[in-house]
Amino acid sequence: MNYYELSLTLQNFEEWSDILVAYLAEIGYESFVEEAPELKAYIPESSYDGLQLQELLTDIQRSSRTILSFQLTLLAQQNWNATWESQFDPVYVSNKLRIVAPFHELEPFNGIEIVILPKMSFGTGHHQTTHLICQTMFELDFKQKKVLDMGAGTGVLAILAEKLGAQSVLAVEIEQWSAENILENMALNGVTKITAIHGGAEAVDGHHFDIILANINKNVLLSQLALYASVLLPSGLLLLSGFFTTDTPDLISAAEANGLTHQLTLERDNWAVLQFVKQ
C-alpha cells in the first residue's frame, strides 16, 4: 500500500502542531511525526482527498497564517517503513513501561517492556493520547478481565492489557495492514490472549467486556458510544482518548446520555483521556 506524506512547516509549532494533528486525523491521516518546525502526516493513497485537504489548509491559513510551507509526497510502503525506523525513539511511561522497536539496543528495564515493529500503524506511544491511556491503565485492575481495544493500531494497548493480567483481549482495527501488524507485534511480545480482527463496530457483536479502550478521534468515539455502553458489563470501565481537552464536555455529555458515569479526566499537552463506569 502506498502512502502520501504531507510535510507542513509551521510557525508557532508548539501551539499548532497538536491542533493540526487532530484536524488531519479527522480527514483520514493516521500517523504523525513531529520535528519542530515540521509536522509530517501520513494517509493511505486510497483515502487521500485533495479537495478536503485544500479546504482544511485554506481555513487554517485564513485564521492563523501558521503554515509557512507544505509539500505532498507519494511514498512506497518500503520507504514508509524506513522513515518510521529513522524516527522511532524508545517511549517511557514513568518507570512502569518502555515501548521500543526491535532494532533498539538498550540497557535492561525493570518495568514492562513492549516491542513494537514500527510500520504504518498509529499507536507507538509517541503521541500524547497513547501515553495518557497507557498511564491510566496502570491504575486499573486488569486481572482476569475481558478487554476490548477498539481502533487498536499497533496493538500496544491490547498487549499492555494482557501483560497487566487480562483474561482475553479483542483488538479491532479497521485497516487490514494494521490488523496484520498487530499479529506481528503479538509474536514479538510473546502474548497469546489477544484476538486481532480486521473490521469495525460489527466485530463487537455478541461480545461483552469488563474494560473497553478506545483511542480514536472525537467523531468516531461519539458515533460508537452507544455501542460501547451496550457491550460493557455492569461495573465495567471505559477509557476514551484521542481528542483535545476542549472536546471533553461533548464526550462526557454523550457518554452520560448512554448510562455511563464520568470518573476521571487526565490531560497532557491539551490532549485528554476520560474514564467512565457503567453503573
Protein backbone atom coordinates (compact mmCIF):
# COMPACT_ATOMS: atom_id res chain seq x y z
CA MET A 1 0.00 0.00 0.00
CA ASN A 2 1.29 3.45 -0.94
CA TYR A 3 1.02 6.42 1.39
CA TYR A 4 1.01 10.17 0.99
CA GLU A 5 3.36 12.12 3.24
CA LEU A 6 2.23 15.67 3.99
CA SER A 7 5.04 17.86 5.34
CA LEU A 8 3.98 21.15 6.96
CA THR A 9 6.46 23.80 8.13
CA LEU A 10 4.84 25.79 10.94
CA GLN A 11 5.44 28.94 12.87
CA ASN A 12 4.21 28.72 16.47
CA PHE A 13 4.90 24.99 16.21
CA GLU A 14 4.22 24.20 19.88
CA GLU A 15 0.83 25.88 19.70
CA TRP A 16 -0.32 24.48 16.35
CA SER A 17 1.17 21.02 15.84
CA ASP A 18 -1.30 19.20 18.09
CA ILE A 19 -4.23 21.15 16.66
CA LEU A 20 -3.23 20.17 13.13
CA VAL A 21 -2.79 16.53 14.16
CA ALA A 22 -6.39 16.49 15.41
CA TYR A 23 -7.77 18.15 12.28
CA LEU A 24 -5.80 15.87 9.94
CA ALA A 25 -6.84 12.76 11.89
CA GLU A 26 -10.47 13.69 11.28
CA ILE A 27 -9.94 13.56 7.49
CA GLY A 28 -8.10 10.24 7.49
CA TYR A 29 -4.45 10.91 8.32
CA GLU A 30 -3.25 8.05 10.52
CA SER A 31 0.29 8.65 11.74
CA PHE A 32 2.37 11.69 12.55
CA VAL A 33 6.00 12.70 13.11
CA GLU A 34 6.68 15.97 14.93
CA GLU A 35 10.08 17.58 14.37
CA ALA A 36 9.78 21.30 15.06
CA PRO A 37 9.18 23.32 12.96
CA GLU A 38 7.98 20.49 10.69
CA LEU A 39 4.96 18.24 11.10
CA LYS A 40 4.67 15.16 8.88
CA ALA A 41 1.33 13.39 8.43
CA TYR A 42 0.62 10.12 6.59
CA ILE A 43 -2.52 8.86 4.83
CA PRO A 44 -3.17 5.82 2.59
CA GLU A 45 -3.24 6.72 -1.10
CA SER A 46 -6.73 5.21 -1.32
CA SER A 47 -8.03 7.53 1.44
CA TYR A 48 -6.47 10.76 0.18
CA ASP A 49 -8.90 13.55 -0.77
CA GLY A 50 -7.06 16.52 -2.25
CA LEU A 51 -10.06 18.87 -2.12
CA GLN A 52 -10.70 18.05 1.53
CA LEU A 53 -7.06 18.76 2.38
CA GLN A 54 -7.06 22.01 0.41
CA GLU A 55 -10.18 23.22 2.23
CA LEU A 56 -8.66 22.41 5.63
CA LEU A 57 -5.35 24.15 4.93
CA THR A 58 -7.13 27.18 3.46
CA ASP A 59 -9.34 27.52 6.55
CA ILE A 60 -6.32 27.32 8.85
CA GLN A 61 -4.39 29.91 6.86
CA ARG A 62 -7.32 32.31 6.90
CA SER A 63 -7.47 32.18 10.70
CA SER A 64 -3.81 31.94 11.70
CA ARG A 65 -1.22 32.09 8.86
CA THR A 66 0.73 29.47 10.82
CA ILE A 67 1.62 27.29 7.79
CA LEU A 68 4.83 28.62 6.24
CA SER A 69 5.05 25.92 3.57
CA PHE A 70 3.83 22.43 2.75
CA GLN A 71 4.78 19.54 0.49
CA LEU A 72 2.91 16.38 -0.52
CA THR A 73 4.92 13.27 -1.50
CA LEU A 74 3.73 9.82 -2.57
CA LEU A 75 5.71 7.14 -0.69
CA ALA A 76 6.03 3.47 -1.47
CA GLN A 77 5.40 1.21 1.52
CA GLN A 78 9.06 0.23 1.95
CA ASN A 79 10.06 3.90 2.09
CA TRP A 80 7.46 4.45 4.79
CA ASN A 81 8.95 1.72 6.95
CA ALA A 82 12.42 3.23 6.60
CA THR A 83 11.03 6.61 7.62
CA TRP A 84 9.48 5.16 10.76
CA GLU A 85 12.67 3.37 11.74
CA SER A 86 14.67 6.57 11.45
CA GLN A 87 12.20 8.46 13.68
CA PHE A 88 11.20 5.83 16.25
CA ASP A 89 12.76 6.52 19.65
CA PRO A 90 12.02 4.49 22.82
CA VAL A 91 8.98 5.71 24.76
CA TYR A 92 8.87 5.69 28.57
CA VAL A 93 5.72 5.93 30.69
CA SER A 94 7.36 6.84 34.02
CA ASN A 95 9.34 3.82 35.24
CA LYS A 96 6.49 1.38 34.56
CA LEU A 97 6.51 0.94 30.79
CA ARG A 98 9.01 1.12 27.95
CA ILE A 99 7.91 0.86 24.30
CA VAL A 100 10.76 0.00 21.94
CA ALA A 101 11.41 -1.20 18.41
CA PRO A 102 13.22 -4.47 17.57
CA PHE A 103 16.28 -2.54 16.36
CA HIS A 104 16.82 -0.66 19.65
CA GLU A 105 19.78 -1.71 21.79
CA LEU A 106 19.09 -0.55 25.34
CA GLU A 107 20.01 -1.16 28.94
CA PRO A 108 17.81 -3.61 30.94
CA PHE A 109 14.50 -2.18 32.17
CA ASN A 110 12.68 -3.15 35.37
CA GLY A 111 9.18 -2.28 34.20
CA ILE A 112 7.02 -3.75 31.43
CA GLU A 113 8.66 -3.61 28.01
CA ILE A 114 6.64 -3.79 24.80
CA VAL A 115 8.32 -4.27 21.42
CA ILE A 116 6.52 -2.61 18.52
CA LEU A 117 7.51 -3.16 14.90
CA PRO A 118 7.11 0.44 13.68
CA LYS A 119 5.23 0.05 10.44
CA MET A 120 2.32 2.26 9.42
CA SER A 121 0.05 1.72 12.41
CA PHE A 122 -0.82 4.50 14.81
CA GLY A 123 -0.01 3.79 18.44
CA THR A 124 3.70 3.55 19.14
CA GLY A 125 3.31 5.52 22.37
CA HIS A 126 4.83 8.71 21.00
CA HIS A 127 1.54 10.55 20.78
CA GLN A 128 0.17 12.14 23.94
CA THR A 129 -3.08 10.16 23.77
CA THR A 130 -1.36 6.76 23.67
CA HIS A 131 0.95 7.84 26.50
CA LEU A 132 -2.05 9.06 28.55
CA ILE A 133 -4.11 5.92 28.14
CA CYS A 134 -1.12 3.68 28.98
CA GLN A 135 -0.53 5.75 32.11
CA THR A 136 -4.19 5.36 33.12
CA MET A 137 -4.17 1.60 32.51
CA PHE A 138 -1.62 1.08 35.28
CA GLU A 139 -4.18 2.39 37.77
CA LEU A 140 -6.79 -0.24 36.80
CA ASP A 141 -7.21 -3.90 37.72
CA PHE A 142 -6.95 -5.99 34.53
CA LYS A 143 -6.61 -9.36 36.24
CA GLN A 144 -8.96 -11.90 34.63
CA LYS A 145 -10.81 -9.13 32.78
CA LYS A 146 -12.27 -9.31 29.28
CA VAL A 147 -10.95 -6.31 27.32
CA LEU A 148 -11.84 -4.60 24.05
CA ASP A 149 -9.21 -2.47 22.29
CA MET A 150 -11.19 -0.56 19.66
CA GLY A 151 -9.14 1.01 16.86
CA ALA A 152 -6.17 -0.99 18.08
CA GLY A 153 -3.49 0.37 15.70
CA THR A 154 -0.25 -1.41 16.53
CA GLY A 155 -1.92 -3.37 19.33
CA VAL A 156 0.19 -1.69 22.01
CA LEU A 157 -2.79 -1.19 24.35
CA ALA A 158 -4.01 -4.75 23.81
CA ILE A 159 -0.53 -6.08 24.56
CA LEU A 160 -0.26 -3.94 27.69
CA ALA A 161 -3.70 -5.17 28.82
CA GLU A 162 -2.55 -8.80 28.57
CA LYS A 163 0.70 -8.04 30.38
CA LEU A 164 -1.38 -6.42 33.16
CA GLY A 165 -3.31 -9.66 33.59
CA ALA A 166 -6.29 -9.57 31.19
CA GLN A 167 -8.04 -12.89 30.62
CA SER A 168 -8.75 -12.08 26.96
CA VAL A 169 -8.42 -9.10 24.63
CA LEU A 170 -10.32 -8.40 21.42
CA ALA A 171 -8.28 -5.97 19.27
CA VAL A 172 -10.41 -4.49 16.48
CA GLU A 173 -8.77 -2.49 13.68
CA ILE A 174 -10.44 -1.09 10.55
CA GLU A 175 -7.26 -1.23 8.41
CA GLN A 176 -6.24 -4.70 7.25
CA TRP A 177 -2.49 -4.00 7.20
CA SER A 178 -2.76 -2.61 10.73
CA ALA A 179 -4.57 -5.75 11.94
CA GLU A 180 -1.72 -7.76 10.40
CA ASN A 181 0.78 -5.54 12.22
CA ILE A 182 -0.95 -6.44 15.50
CA LEU A 183 -0.25 -10.13 14.82
CA GLU A 184 3.43 -9.34 14.22
CA ASN A 185 3.63 -7.36 17.44
CA MET A 186 1.88 -10.12 19.38
CA ALA A 187 4.57 -12.55 18.24
CA LEU A 188 7.35 -10.13 19.18
CA ASN A 189 5.95 -9.84 22.71
CA GLY A 190 5.02 -13.48 23.29
CA VAL A 191 1.36 -12.71 24.06
CA THR A 192 -1.34 -15.30 23.36
CA LYS A 193 -4.63 -13.98 24.75
CA ILE A 194 -5.30 -11.34 22.07
CA THR A 195 -7.64 -11.88 19.12
CA ALA A 196 -6.90 -9.37 16.34
CA ILE A 197 -9.81 -8.68 13.99
CA HIS A 198 -9.87 -6.63 10.81
CA GLY A 199 -13.20 -4.83 10.97
CA GLY A 200 -15.31 -2.15 12.61
CA ALA A 201 -18.23 -1.96 15.01
CA GLU A 202 -19.75 -5.16 13.62
CA ALA A 203 -16.80 -7.15 15.01
CA VAL A 204 -18.01 -6.45 18.56
CA ASP A 205 -21.46 -8.03 18.17
CA GLY A 206 -22.08 -10.87 20.60
CA HIS A 207 -19.24 -9.92 22.95
CA HIS A 208 -19.23 -8.27 26.39
CA PHE A 209 -16.31 -6.66 28.19
CA ASP A 210 -15.12 -5.59 31.62
CA ILE A 211 -12.86 -2.88 30.17
CA ILE A 212 -13.04 -1.03 26.85
CA LEU A 213 -10.11 1.00 25.50
CA ALA A 214 -10.86 3.39 22.62
CA ASN A 215 -8.09 5.73 21.47
CA ILE A 216 -9.57 7.04 18.22
CA ASN A 217 -10.88 10.53 17.40
CA LYS A 218 -13.81 12.54 18.70
CA ASN A 219 -16.20 11.92 15.81
CA VAL A 220 -15.71 8.15 15.79
CA LEU A 221 -15.99 7.99 19.57
CA LEU A 222 -19.25 9.94 19.54
CA SER A 223 -20.67 7.64 16.86
CA GLN A 224 -19.72 4.49 18.80
CA LEU A 225 -20.53 5.46 22.40
CA ALA A 226 -23.89 3.70 22.33
CA LEU A 227 -22.12 0.52 21.15
CA TYR A 228 -19.54 0.73 23.94
CA ALA A 229 -22.27 1.17 26.55
CA SER A 230 -24.24 -1.80 25.20
CA VAL A 231 -21.32 -4.27 25.30
CA LEU A 232 -19.82 -3.05 28.59
CA LEU A 233 -20.65 -5.27 31.56
CA PRO A 234 -22.13 -3.78 34.77
CA SER A 235 -19.39 -2.01 36.77
CA GLY A 236 -17.24 -2.14 33.62
CA LEU A 237 -14.84 0.66 32.73
CA LEU A 238 -14.47 2.66 29.51
CA LEU A 239 -11.32 4.66 28.68
CA LEU A 240 -11.60 7.19 25.86
CA SER A 241 -8.73 9.12 24.32
CA GLY A 242 -7.71 10.68 21.02
CA PHE A 243 -9.19 14.18 21.41
CA PHE A 244 -8.47 17.65 22.76
CA THR A 245 -9.34 18.79 26.27
CA THR A 246 -11.84 21.19 24.68
CA ASP A 247 -13.78 18.16 23.38
CA THR A 248 -14.27 16.60 26.81
CA PRO A 249 -17.65 18.25 27.62
CA ASP A 250 -19.22 16.82 24.44
CA LEU A 251 -17.89 13.34 25.11
CA ILE A 252 -18.87 13.37 28.79
CA SER A 253 -22.39 14.51 27.88
CA ALA A 254 -22.75 11.81 25.20
CA ALA A 255 -21.39 9.09 27.50
CA GLU A 256 -23.71 10.05 30.33
CA ALA A 257 -26.65 10.02 27.91
CA ASN A 258 -25.75 6.36 27.31
CA GLY A 259 -25.79 5.46 31.01
CA LEU A 260 -22.08 5.87 31.75
CA THR A 261 -20.76 7.80 34.75
CA HIS A 262 -17.68 10.01 34.37
CA GLN A 263 -14.99 9.11 36.91
CA LEU A 264 -11.70 10.68 35.81
CA THR A 265 -10.07 13.13 33.40
CA LEU A 266 -6.32 13.25 32.75
CA GLU A 267 -4.64 15.78 30.46
CA ARG A 268 -1.30 16.04 28.65
CA ASP A 269 -0.35 18.88 26.29
CA ASN A 270 -4.01 19.78 25.63
CA TRP A 271 -4.99 16.15 24.94
CA ALA A 272 -7.21 14.17 27.30
CA VAL A 273 -8.25 10.73 28.49
CA LEU A 274 -11.66 10.12 30.09
CA GLN A 275 -12.65 7.23 32.34
CA PHE A 276 -16.27 6.11 32.74
CA VAL A 277 -18.01 3.34 34.65
CA LYS A 278 -21.25 1.53 33.83
CA GLN A 279 -23.34 1.56 36.99
